[in-house]
Amino acid sequence: MIKRDVFEYALVRVVPRMERGECFNAGVIVYSRAHAYVAARTHLDEAKLLALDPEADVAGVRAALRGVEGVCVGGEGAGQAAGDDAGRRFRWLIAPRSTVVQPGPVHTGLTADPAAEVDRLLGLLVL
């Protein structure tokens, strides 16, 4: 029997115009305490972004999504979170914020391979 551990995940949402409250999924963050693992995969659908806000800063949104991925990787690319463990980086990323790129609610599941979950959830919920 394959041992499966609890993992947590949150969607990364793009909210082009805060006052309208419209959003779409642009990524997923997965955290597994048992594996000391955190990772994000993102995909920006420019057509959706520009349909919701024709004047959106596409480059800025892409940079913010890259920033989420960078914090997950850790090291120098993680900025102030560089020295934090995977759990602290995940908690920092899922903290509520009023920006164009926002985390969604946290959900849980069981997995033997958290890296595979990142790709599975991206395909299921984003692409």
C-alpha atoms as a PDB file:
ATOM      1  CA  MET A   1       0.000   0.000   0.000  1.00  0.00           C
ATOM      2  CA  ILE A   2       1.314   3.431  -0.920  1.00  0.00           C
ATOM      3  CA  LYS A   3       1.666   5.836   1.994  1.00  0.00           C
ATOM      4  CA  ARG A   4      -0.217   9.063   1.337  1.00  0.00           C
ATOM      5  CA  ASP A   5       0.274  12.237   3.340  1.00  0.00           C
ATOM      6  CA  VAL A   6      -1.886  15.297   3.839  1.00  0.00           C
ATOM      7  CA  PHE A   7      -1.221  18.215   1.527  1.00  0.00           C
ATOM      8  CA  GLU A   8      -2.746  21.671   1.290  1.00  0.00           C
ATOM      9  CA  TYR A   9      -3.336  23.760  -1.793  1.00  0.00           C
ATOM     10  CA  ALA A  10      -4.685  27.129  -2.788  1.00  0.00           C
ATOM     11  CA  LEU A  11      -5.534  28.566  -6.155  1.00  0.00           C
ATOM     12  CA  VAL A  12      -3.857  31.746  -7.295  1.00  0.00           C
ATOM     13  CA  ARG A  13      -6.466  34.101  -8.696  1.00  0.00           C
ATOM     14  CA  VAL A  14      -6.212  37.180 -10.861  1.00  0.00           C
ATOM     15  CA  VAL A  15      -8.657  39.964  -9.985  1.00  0.00           C
ATOM     16  CA  PRO A  16      -8.087  42.598 -12.682  1.00  0.00           C
ATOM     17  CA  ARG A  17     -10.543  45.169 -11.296  1.00  0.00           C
ATOM     18  CA  MET A  18     -11.050  44.899  -7.563  1.00  0.00           C
ATOM     19  CA  GLU A  19     -14.236  46.966  -7.611  1.00  0.00           C
ATOM     20  CA  ARG A  20     -15.937  44.456  -9.926  1.00  0.00           C
ATOM     21  CA  GLY A  21     -14.844  41.352  -8.009  1.00  0.00           C
ATOM     22  CA  GLU A  22     -14.384  39.285 -11.190  1.00  0.00           C
ATOM     23  CA  CYS A  23     -11.545  36.785 -11.112  1.00  0.00           C
ATOM     24  CA  PHE A  24     -10.066  33.767 -12.835  1.00  0.00           C
ATOM     25  CA  ASN A  25      -7.646  31.056 -11.767  1.00  0.00           C
ATOM     26  CA  ALA A  26      -4.045  31.553 -12.857  1.00  0.00           C
ATOM     27  CA  GLY A  27      -2.125  29.092 -10.715  1.00  0.00           C
ATOM     28  CA  VAL A  28      -1.963  26.700  -7.821  1.00  0.00           C
ATOM     29  CA  ILE A  29       0.251  26.473  -4.721  1.00  0.00           C
ATOM     30  CA  VAL A  30       0.790  23.071  -3.078  1.00  0.00           C
ATOM     31  CA  TYR A  31       2.290  22.474   0.367  1.00  0.00           C
ATOM     32  CA  SER A  32       3.117  19.178   2.068  1.00  0.00           C
ATOM     33  CA  ARG A  33       4.488  19.357   5.593  1.00  0.00           C
ATOM     34  CA  ALA A  34       5.446  15.675   5.544  1.00  0.00           C
ATOM     35  CA  HIS A  35       7.612  16.245   2.467  1.00  0.00           C
ATOM     36  CA  ALA A  36       8.790  19.766   3.460  1.00  0.00           C
ATOM     37  CA  TYR A  37       7.551  20.728   0.008  1.00  0.00           C
ATOM     38  CA  VAL A  38       6.007  23.866  -1.423  1.00  0.00           C
ATOM     39  CA  ALA A  39       5.646  24.714  -5.106  1.00  0.00           C
ATOM     40  CA  ALA A  40       3.529  26.796  -7.426  1.00  0.00           C
ATOM     41  CA  ARG A  41       2.702  26.551 -11.090  1.00  0.00           C
ATOM     42  CA  THR A  42       1.061  29.429 -12.885  1.00  0.00           C
ATOM     43  CA  HIS A  43      -0.469  30.105 -16.280  1.00  0.00           C
ATOM     44  CA  LEU A  44      -1.755  33.510 -17.333  1.00  0.00           C
ATOM     45  CA  ASP A  45      -4.568  33.510 -19.876  1.00  0.00           C
ATOM     46  CA  GLU A  46      -3.980  36.930 -21.431  1.00  0.00           C
ATOM     47  CA  ALA A  47      -7.264  36.801 -23.352  1.00  0.00           C
ATOM     48  CA  LYS A  48      -9.242  36.383 -20.093  1.00  0.00           C
ATOM     49  CA  LEU A  49      -7.254  39.127 -18.416  1.00  0.00           C
ATOM     50  CA  LEU A  50      -7.816  41.594 -21.233  1.00  0.00           C
ATOM     51  CA  ALA A  51     -11.494  40.622 -21.567  1.00  0.00           C
ATOM     52  CA  LEU A  52     -12.014  41.599 -17.921  1.00  0.00           C
ATOM     53  CA  ASP A  53      -9.806  44.691 -18.130  1.00  0.00           C
ATOM     54  CA  PRO A  54      -8.612  45.876 -21.550  1.00  0.00           C
ATOM     55  CA  GLU A  55      -6.129  48.206 -19.819  1.00  0.00           C
ATOM     56  CA  ALA A  56      -4.639  45.540 -17.536  1.00  0.00           C
ATOM     57  CA  ASP A  57      -0.902  45.551 -16.883  1.00  0.00           C
ATOM     58  CA  VAL A  58      -0.134  42.150 -18.411  1.00  0.00           C
ATOM     59  CA  ALA A  59       3.591  42.394 -17.656  1.00  0.00           C
ATOM     60  CA  GLY A  60       2.850  43.347 -14.043  1.00  0.00           C
ATOM     61  CA  VAL A  61       0.501  40.399 -13.561  1.00  0.00           C
ATOM     62  CA  ARG A  62       3.080  38.033 -15.092  1.00  0.00           C
ATOM     63  CA  ALA A  63       5.730  39.430 -12.726  1.00  0.00           C
ATOM     64  CA  ALA A  64       3.449  38.888  -9.721  1.00  0.00           C
ATOM     65  CA  LEU A  65       2.792  35.282 -10.777  1.00  0.00           C
ATOM     66  CA  ARG A  66       6.533  34.688 -11.212  1.00  0.00           C
ATOM     67  CA  GLY A  67       6.967  36.147  -7.726  1.00  0.00           C
ATOM     68  CA  VAL A  68       4.624  33.506  -6.263  1.00  0.00           C
ATOM     69  CA  GLU A  69       6.682  30.781  -7.929  1.00  0.00           C
ATOM     70  CA  GLY A  70       9.908  32.411  -6.690  1.00  0.00           C
ATOM     71  CA  VAL A  71       8.779  32.475  -3.073  1.00  0.00           C
ATOM     72  CA  CYS A  72       7.992  28.763  -3.291  1.00  0.00           C
ATOM     73  CA  VAL A  73      11.464  27.953  -4.618  1.00  0.00           C
ATOM     74  CA  GLY A  74      13.092  29.905  -1.792  1.00  0.00           C
ATOM     75  CA  GLY A  75      16.626  31.207  -1.878  1.00  0.00           C
ATOM     76  CA  GLU A  76      17.469  34.683  -3.114  1.00  0.00           C
ATOM     77  CA  GLY A  77      14.424  34.753  -5.413  1.00  0.00           C
ATOM     78  CA  ALA A  78      12.126  34.571  -2.381  1.00  0.00           C
ATOM     79  CA  GLY A  79      13.018  38.027  -1.055  1.00  0.00           C
ATOM     80  CA  GLN A  80      12.269  38.372   2.662  1.00  0.00           C
ATOM     81  CA  ALA A  81      10.999  34.786   2.756  1.00  0.00           C
ATOM     82  CA  ALA A  82      14.361  33.434   1.548  1.00  0.00           C
ATOM     83  CA  GLY A  83      15.326  31.896   4.884  1.00  0.00           C
ATOM     84  CA  ASP A  84      11.884  30.582   5.781  1.00  0.00           C
ATOM     85  CA  ASP A  85      10.965  26.914   5.673  1.00  0.00           C
ATOM     86  CA  ALA A  86       8.392  25.581   3.186  1.00  0.00           C
ATOM     87  CA  GLY A  87       5.505  25.930   5.645  1.00  0.00           C
ATOM     88  CA  ARG A  88       6.193  29.575   6.436  1.00  0.00           C
ATOM     89  CA  ARG A  89       6.548  30.411   2.736  1.00  0.00           C
ATOM     90  CA  PHE A  90       3.201  28.710   2.029  1.00  0.00           C
ATOM     91  CA  ARG A  91       1.467  30.559   4.880  1.00  0.00           C
ATOM     92  CA  TRP A  92       2.909  33.863   3.644  1.00  0.00           C
ATOM     93  CA  LEU A  93       1.612  33.192   0.116  1.00  0.00           C
ATOM     94  CA  ILE A  94      -1.919  32.250   1.226  1.00  0.00           C
ATOM     95  CA  ALA A  95      -2.381  35.291   3.474  1.00  0.00           C
ATOM     96  CA  PRO A  96      -5.350  37.383   2.261  1.00  0.00           C
ATOM     97  CA  ARG A  97      -4.420  40.470   0.277  1.00  0.00           C
ATOM     98  CA  SER A  98      -6.108  43.120  -1.808  1.00  0.00           C
ATOM     99  CA  THR A  99      -4.005  42.977  -4.936  1.00  0.00           C
ATOM    100  CA  VAL A 100      -4.540  41.910  -8.522  1.00  0.00           C
ATOM    101  CA  VAL A 101      -2.969  38.489  -7.784  1.00  0.00           C
ATOM    102  CA  GLN A 102      -4.602  36.868  -4.749  1.00  0.00           C
ATOM    103  CA  PRO A 103      -4.708  33.453  -3.060  1.00  0.00           C
ATOM    104  CA  GLY A 104      -7.981  31.561  -2.888  1.00  0.00           C
ATOM    105  CA  PRO A 105      -9.143  29.462   0.053  1.00  0.00           C
ATOM    106  CA  VAL A 106      -6.987  26.580   1.259  1.00  0.00           C
ATOM    107  CA  HIS A 107      -8.110  23.010   0.558  1.00  0.00           C
ATOM    108  CA  THR A 108      -6.623  19.674   1.637  1.00  0.00           C
ATOM    109  CA  GLY A 109      -6.081  16.226   0.187  1.00  0.00           C
ATOM    110  CA  LEU A 110      -3.910  13.137   0.425  1.00  0.00           C
ATOM    111  CA  THR A 111      -0.961  12.377  -1.832  1.00  0.00           C
ATOM    112  CA  ALA A 112       2.145  10.262  -2.125  1.00  0.00           C
ATOM    113  CA  ASP A 113       3.664  12.740  -4.589  1.00  0.00           C
ATOM    114  CA  PRO A 114       3.082  16.456  -3.934  1.00  0.00           C
ATOM    115  CA  ALA A 115       5.021  17.455  -7.060  1.00  0.00           C
ATOM    116  CA  ALA A 116       2.567  15.482  -9.180  1.00  0.00           C
ATOM    117  CA  GLU A 117      -0.327  17.219  -7.399  1.00  0.00           C
ATOM    118  CA  VAL A 118       0.901  20.633  -8.527  1.00  0.00           C
ATOM    119  CA  ASP A 119       0.725  19.594 -12.176  1.00  0.00           C
ATOM    120  CA  ARG A 120      -2.547  17.679 -11.734  1.00  0.00           C
ATOM    121  CA  LEU A 121      -4.288  20.585 -10.029  1.00  0.00           C
ATOM    122  CA  LEU A 122      -2.969  23.099 -12.560  1.00  0.00           C
ATOM    123  CA  GLY A 123      -4.435  21.016 -15.377  1.00  0.00           C
ATOM    124  CA  LEU A 124      -7.704  20.437 -13.551  1.00  0.00           C
ATOM    125  CA  LEU A 125      -8.364  23.914 -12.139  1.00  0.00           C
ATOM    126  CA  VAL A 126      -6.410  26.407 -14.274  1.00  0.00           C
ATOM    127  CA  LEU A 127      -5.747  25.214 -17.808  1.00  0.00           C
END
